[in-house]
Protein backbone atom coordinates (compact mmCIF):
# COMPACT_ATOMS: atom_id res chain seq x y z
CA MET A 1 64.16 96.97 295.66
CA PRO A 2 61.14 95.25 297.49
CA GLU A 3 61.45 92.10 298.80
CA HIS A 4 58.82 90.46 296.75
CA ALA A 5 60.81 91.54 293.48
CA TYR A 6 63.91 90.65 294.55
CA MET A 7 63.29 86.95 295.75
CA TYR A 8 63.43 84.00 293.75
CA ALA A 9 60.27 81.35 294.58
CA ILE A 10 62.92 78.58 295.47
CA PRO A 11 63.66 77.62 298.66
CA GLU A 12 64.46 79.88 301.58
CA GLU A 13 67.71 78.67 302.82
CA TYR A 14 69.56 79.22 299.17
CA TYR A 15 68.58 82.89 299.47
CA LYS A 16 70.22 82.81 303.00
CA LYS A 17 73.46 80.26 302.63
CA TYR A 18 74.69 81.34 298.79
CA GLY A 19 72.49 85.38 298.72
CA ILE A 20 70.99 83.64 295.60
CA ARG A 21 68.09 86.83 294.84
CA LYS A 22 67.52 89.65 291.47
CA TYR A 23 71.03 91.60 292.06
CA GLY A 24 70.29 93.50 288.72
CA PHE A 25 73.18 95.27 286.70
CA HIS A 26 73.91 98.56 284.79
CA GLY A 27 72.75 100.00 288.09
CA THR A 28 74.91 103.35 287.73
CA SER A 29 73.40 103.73 283.91
CA HIS A 30 69.76 103.71 285.17
CA LYS A 31 70.49 105.92 288.16
CA TYR A 32 72.35 108.69 286.13
CA VAL A 33 69.67 108.92 283.59
CA MET A 34 66.64 108.95 286.31
CA LEU A 35 68.82 111.89 287.71
CA GLU A 36 68.93 113.59 284.11
CA ALA A 37 65.04 112.96 283.97
CA GLN A 38 64.23 114.77 286.32
CA LYS A 39 66.00 117.89 285.68
CA ILE A 40 64.26 117.40 281.83
CA LEU A 41 61.15 116.49 283.51
CA LYS A 42 61.24 119.18 286.24
CA LYS A 43 60.02 117.03 288.43
CA LYS A 44 61.19 115.42 291.60
CA PRO A 45 60.60 112.76 292.65
CA VAL A 46 59.73 110.54 288.90
CA ASN A 47 58.03 107.66 287.54
CA LEU A 48 60.00 105.93 285.02
CA ILE A 49 61.21 103.18 282.94
CA THR A 50 64.32 103.54 281.93
CA CYS A 51 65.85 101.04 279.14
CA HIS A 52 69.54 100.51 278.85
CA LEU A 53 69.88 98.75 275.13
CA GLY A 54 73.18 98.22 274.16
CA ASN A 55 75.07 94.61 273.49
CA GLY A 56 73.72 93.93 277.05
CA SER A 57 70.67 95.15 277.88
CA SER A 58 68.21 95.94 280.82
CA ILE A 59 64.78 97.87 281.73
CA CYS A 60 64.39 99.30 285.25
CA ALA A 61 61.27 100.14 286.66
CA ILE A 62 61.46 103.13 288.98
CA LYS A 63 58.60 104.51 291.21
CA ASN A 64 59.13 108.25 293.16
CA SER A 65 62.10 108.00 291.67
CA LYS A 66 63.56 104.68 293.50
CA SER A 67 64.28 101.39 291.69
CA ILE A 68 61.39 98.60 292.34
CA ASP A 69 62.27 95.92 289.84
CA THR A 70 64.90 95.39 287.33
CA SER A 71 65.29 92.60 284.49
CA MET A 72 68.73 91.18 284.81
CA GLY A 73 68.59 89.16 288.17
CA PHE A 74 71.29 86.79 289.82
CA THR A 75 73.16 87.16 286.70
CA PRO A 76 73.30 89.23 283.28
CA LEU A 77 71.65 86.28 281.96
CA GLN A 78 68.02 87.14 283.10
CA GLY A 79 66.00 89.34 281.32
CA LEU A 80 65.72 91.29 277.79
CA MET A 81 67.17 89.19 274.67
CA MET A 82 70.77 90.68 273.79
CA GLY A 83 73.68 90.73 271.34
CA THR A 84 74.67 87.36 272.47
CA ARG A 85 72.64 86.86 275.27
CA SER A 86 69.33 84.21 275.15
CA GLY A 87 67.47 86.47 278.51
CA ASP A 88 64.73 84.61 280.20
CA LEU A 89 63.83 81.16 279.12
CA ASP A 90 62.41 77.83 280.73
CA PRO A 91 65.42 76.89 283.06
CA GLU A 92 64.92 72.59 282.00
CA ILE A 93 66.38 73.77 278.29
CA VAL A 94 69.98 73.59 280.09
CA GLU A 95 69.29 70.28 281.17
CA PHE A 96 67.51 69.35 278.21
CA LEU A 97 70.63 70.61 275.85
CA SER A 98 73.11 69.53 278.23
CA LEU A 99 71.75 65.85 278.27
CA ASN A 100 70.92 65.92 274.55
CA GLU A 101 74.52 67.35 272.76
CA LYS A 102 76.47 65.59 276.11
CA VAL A 103 77.71 69.00 277.06
CA THR A 104 78.56 70.58 280.59
CA VAL A 105 75.97 72.40 282.26
CA SER A 106 79.02 75.03 282.50
CA GLU A 107 79.52 74.74 278.45
CA VAL A 108 75.45 75.60 278.07
CA ILE A 109 75.50 78.25 280.39
CA LYS A 110 78.46 79.56 277.91
CA ILE A 111 76.09 78.78 274.95
CA LEU A 112 73.59 81.00 276.69
CA ASN A 113 75.80 83.88 277.26
CA LYS A 114 77.90 84.24 274.03
CA LYS A 115 76.36 82.37 271.29
CA SER A 116 72.53 82.89 271.34
CA GLY A 117 70.65 86.38 271.29
CA LEU A 118 70.74 88.20 267.88
CA LEU A 119 73.41 86.29 267.23
CA GLY A 120 72.19 82.59 267.61
CA ILE A 121 69.08 83.63 265.55
CA ASP A 122 70.14 85.84 262.82
CA GLY A 123 74.29 85.28 263.21
CA ASP A 124 74.75 88.90 263.56
CA SER A 125 75.11 90.79 267.09
CA ASP A 126 74.82 94.18 265.99
CA ILE A 127 71.71 95.69 265.73
CA ARG A 128 72.58 98.12 262.99
CA ALA A 129 73.59 95.37 260.94
CA VAL A 130 70.55 93.24 261.71
CA HIS A 131 68.41 96.54 260.80
CA ASP A 132 70.17 96.81 257.29
CA ARG A 133 69.34 93.34 256.15
CA VAL A 134 65.72 93.82 257.70
CA VAL A 135 65.73 96.88 255.36
CA LYS A 136 66.88 94.46 252.44
CA GLY A 137 63.94 91.85 252.81
CA ASP A 138 66.06 89.16 254.98
CA LYS A 139 63.43 87.13 256.64
CA LYS A 140 66.08 85.81 259.57
CA ALA A 141 66.70 89.40 260.35
CA LYS A 142 63.43 90.13 260.70
CA LEU A 143 62.60 87.34 263.02
CA GLY A 144 65.42 88.38 265.35
CA PHE A 145 64.69 91.82 265.29
CA ASP A 146 61.27 90.99 265.67
CA MET A 147 62.10 89.29 268.61
CA PHE A 148 64.32 91.91 270.02
CA THR A 149 61.44 94.24 270.39
CA TYR A 150 58.94 91.87 271.38
CA ARG A 151 60.78 91.13 274.83
CA ILE A 152 61.55 94.84 275.06
CA LEU A 153 57.65 95.35 275.09
CA GLU A 154 57.12 92.97 277.32
CA TYR A 155 59.05 94.21 279.65
CA ILE A 156 57.83 97.66 279.41
CA GLY A 157 54.36 96.50 279.71
CA SER A 158 54.88 94.71 283.11
CA TYR A 159 56.67 97.58 284.34
CA LEU A 160 53.80 100.02 283.26
CA ALA A 161 51.58 97.91 286.10
CA VAL A 162 53.87 97.63 288.45
CA VAL A 163 54.60 101.46 288.16
CA GLY A 164 51.61 102.91 288.12
CA LYS A 165 51.35 106.31 286.57
CA VAL A 166 54.34 106.59 284.41
CA ASP A 167 56.06 110.06 283.55
CA ALA A 168 58.22 109.22 280.82
CA ILE A 169 59.90 105.89 278.96
CA VAL A 170 63.49 106.41 279.18
CA PHE A 171 65.81 105.21 275.84
CA THR A 172 69.81 105.08 276.81
CA ALA A 173 73.31 103.48 275.68
CA GLY A 174 74.30 102.20 272.36
CA ILE A 175 70.91 100.97 271.07
CA GLY A 176 68.95 102.98 273.35
CA GLN A 177 70.15 106.23 271.92
CA GLY A 178 71.20 105.49 268.21
CA ALA A 179 68.52 103.10 266.83
CA TRP A 180 65.75 105.34 266.34
CA TYR A 181 64.43 102.50 263.80
CA LEU A 182 63.71 100.59 267.05
CA SER A 183 62.37 103.10 269.46
CA GLU A 184 59.74 104.16 266.26
CA ASN A 185 58.53 100.77 265.99
CA LEU A 186 58.61 100.03 270.02
CA ALA A 187 56.33 103.96 270.09
CA LYS A 188 53.85 102.52 267.45
CA SER A 189 53.35 99.34 269.51
CA LEU A 190 52.40 101.35 272.47
CA GLU A 191 50.03 104.01 270.68
CA HIS A 192 47.02 102.41 272.34
CA LEU A 193 48.25 103.73 275.94
CA GLY A 194 48.41 107.68 274.29
CA ILE A 195 52.25 107.17 273.26
CA LYS A 196 52.85 109.25 270.48
CA ILE A 197 56.10 109.87 268.85
CA ASP A 198 57.67 112.70 267.20
CA LYS A 199 59.19 110.94 264.24
CA LEU A 200 61.44 113.55 263.33
CA LYS A 201 62.81 114.55 266.83
CA ASN A 202 63.83 110.85 266.84
CA LYS A 203 65.51 110.20 263.71
CA ASN A 204 67.26 113.42 264.99
CA HIS A 205 68.13 111.72 268.12
CA GLU A 206 66.85 114.74 270.65
CA LEU A 207 66.48 114.42 274.04
CA VAL A 208 62.63 114.34 274.04
CA ILE A 209 60.80 112.14 271.66
CA SER A 210 57.41 112.40 272.15
CA GLU A 211 54.92 114.64 270.75
CA GLN A 212 53.40 117.30 272.51
CA GLY A 213 50.66 115.30 273.58
CA SER A 214 51.57 112.11 274.22
CA ARG A 215 49.88 110.50 277.57
CA ILE A 216 53.76 109.78 278.68
CA LYS A 217 56.93 111.18 277.49
CA LEU A 218 59.64 109.47 275.36
CA LEU A 219 63.14 110.50 275.96
CA VAL A 220 66.15 109.61 274.91
CA ILE A 221 69.43 110.50 277.60
CA PRO A 222 72.69 109.29 276.92
CA THR A 223 73.97 107.79 279.55
CA ASN A 224 77.23 108.45 281.44
CA GLU A 225 78.03 105.69 284.25
CA GLU A 226 81.74 106.69 284.37
CA LEU A 227 80.51 110.42 285.94
CA MET A 228 77.76 107.98 287.87
CA ILE A 229 80.73 106.01 289.06
CA ALA A 230 82.58 108.98 290.25
CA ASN A 231 79.88 110.65 291.54
CA GLU A 232 79.02 108.01 293.92
CA ALA A 233 82.86 107.59 294.94
CA ARG A 234 83.17 111.26 296.01
CA ALA A 235 79.67 110.85 297.69
CA VAL A 236 81.66 108.14 300.29
CA LEU A 237 84.36 110.01 300.47
C-alpha cells in the first residue's frame, strides 16, 4: 500500500518507535481471488474491489493488480462490522466504556473483539441465522443485517473513488460465497452505478453473477488461502 494509505494521522514518532500503521489482514485471500479474477476477466493487470466476507471480514482496493488500501488496520478490529467485532468506531468510546463500566482498557478491547458486531446487535454472529430471522420479521435481526450491509457499502463506495475505473467487485469467503441474499442486497444499492446482478446466477453461486450489460462485473470466487500460502512458500524456496 502507498504510504498515504497505511499511515495513521498520529505523531510520526509512534510509527518509528512501534511500527503503528495499517497492515491489513486476509492478504493471501485477496491475492488469490485477484489472480483468479485475472483469469476469469482475461485481463492483466486488473482493477478490483475484493470483499472477503466471513466471521472476520475485510475489503481490499486493488489497482493494476496491486493492493492500494484495505479495511483492516493495525489489528483486525478496524474496518467492517463482523460476526463478533465492532469494526470502525470513535476511539474515545474505549475510554468512555472503561470509565463508566469500571473495567480495564484490555477488557473493553475484548468486548469489541468478542462480544460486538452481529453478536452484540442481535445476539447471533452467524449471518445465516440472522437472515432467517429477518425473513420472519425480526426487527433486531434486520437492524444487524442492515448495519452489516451498510458498512460494506461504505467501503465499496470509498474504494470505487480511490481505484477509479473498476473491472469487477469480487465476493469471497464463507459469507461472500454463500450468502446470495447479501450480494443481491448490495447490488440493489449499487444499481445507480450501472451494476446489474443476475439473480438466478447469484442464487446458483456461479462465478460471474452480473448481467451481460453490467458496468462493473460481479464475481463470486471461492478463496483458497492454503494454496496461496503454499505457492508463496514455493516462490521463496
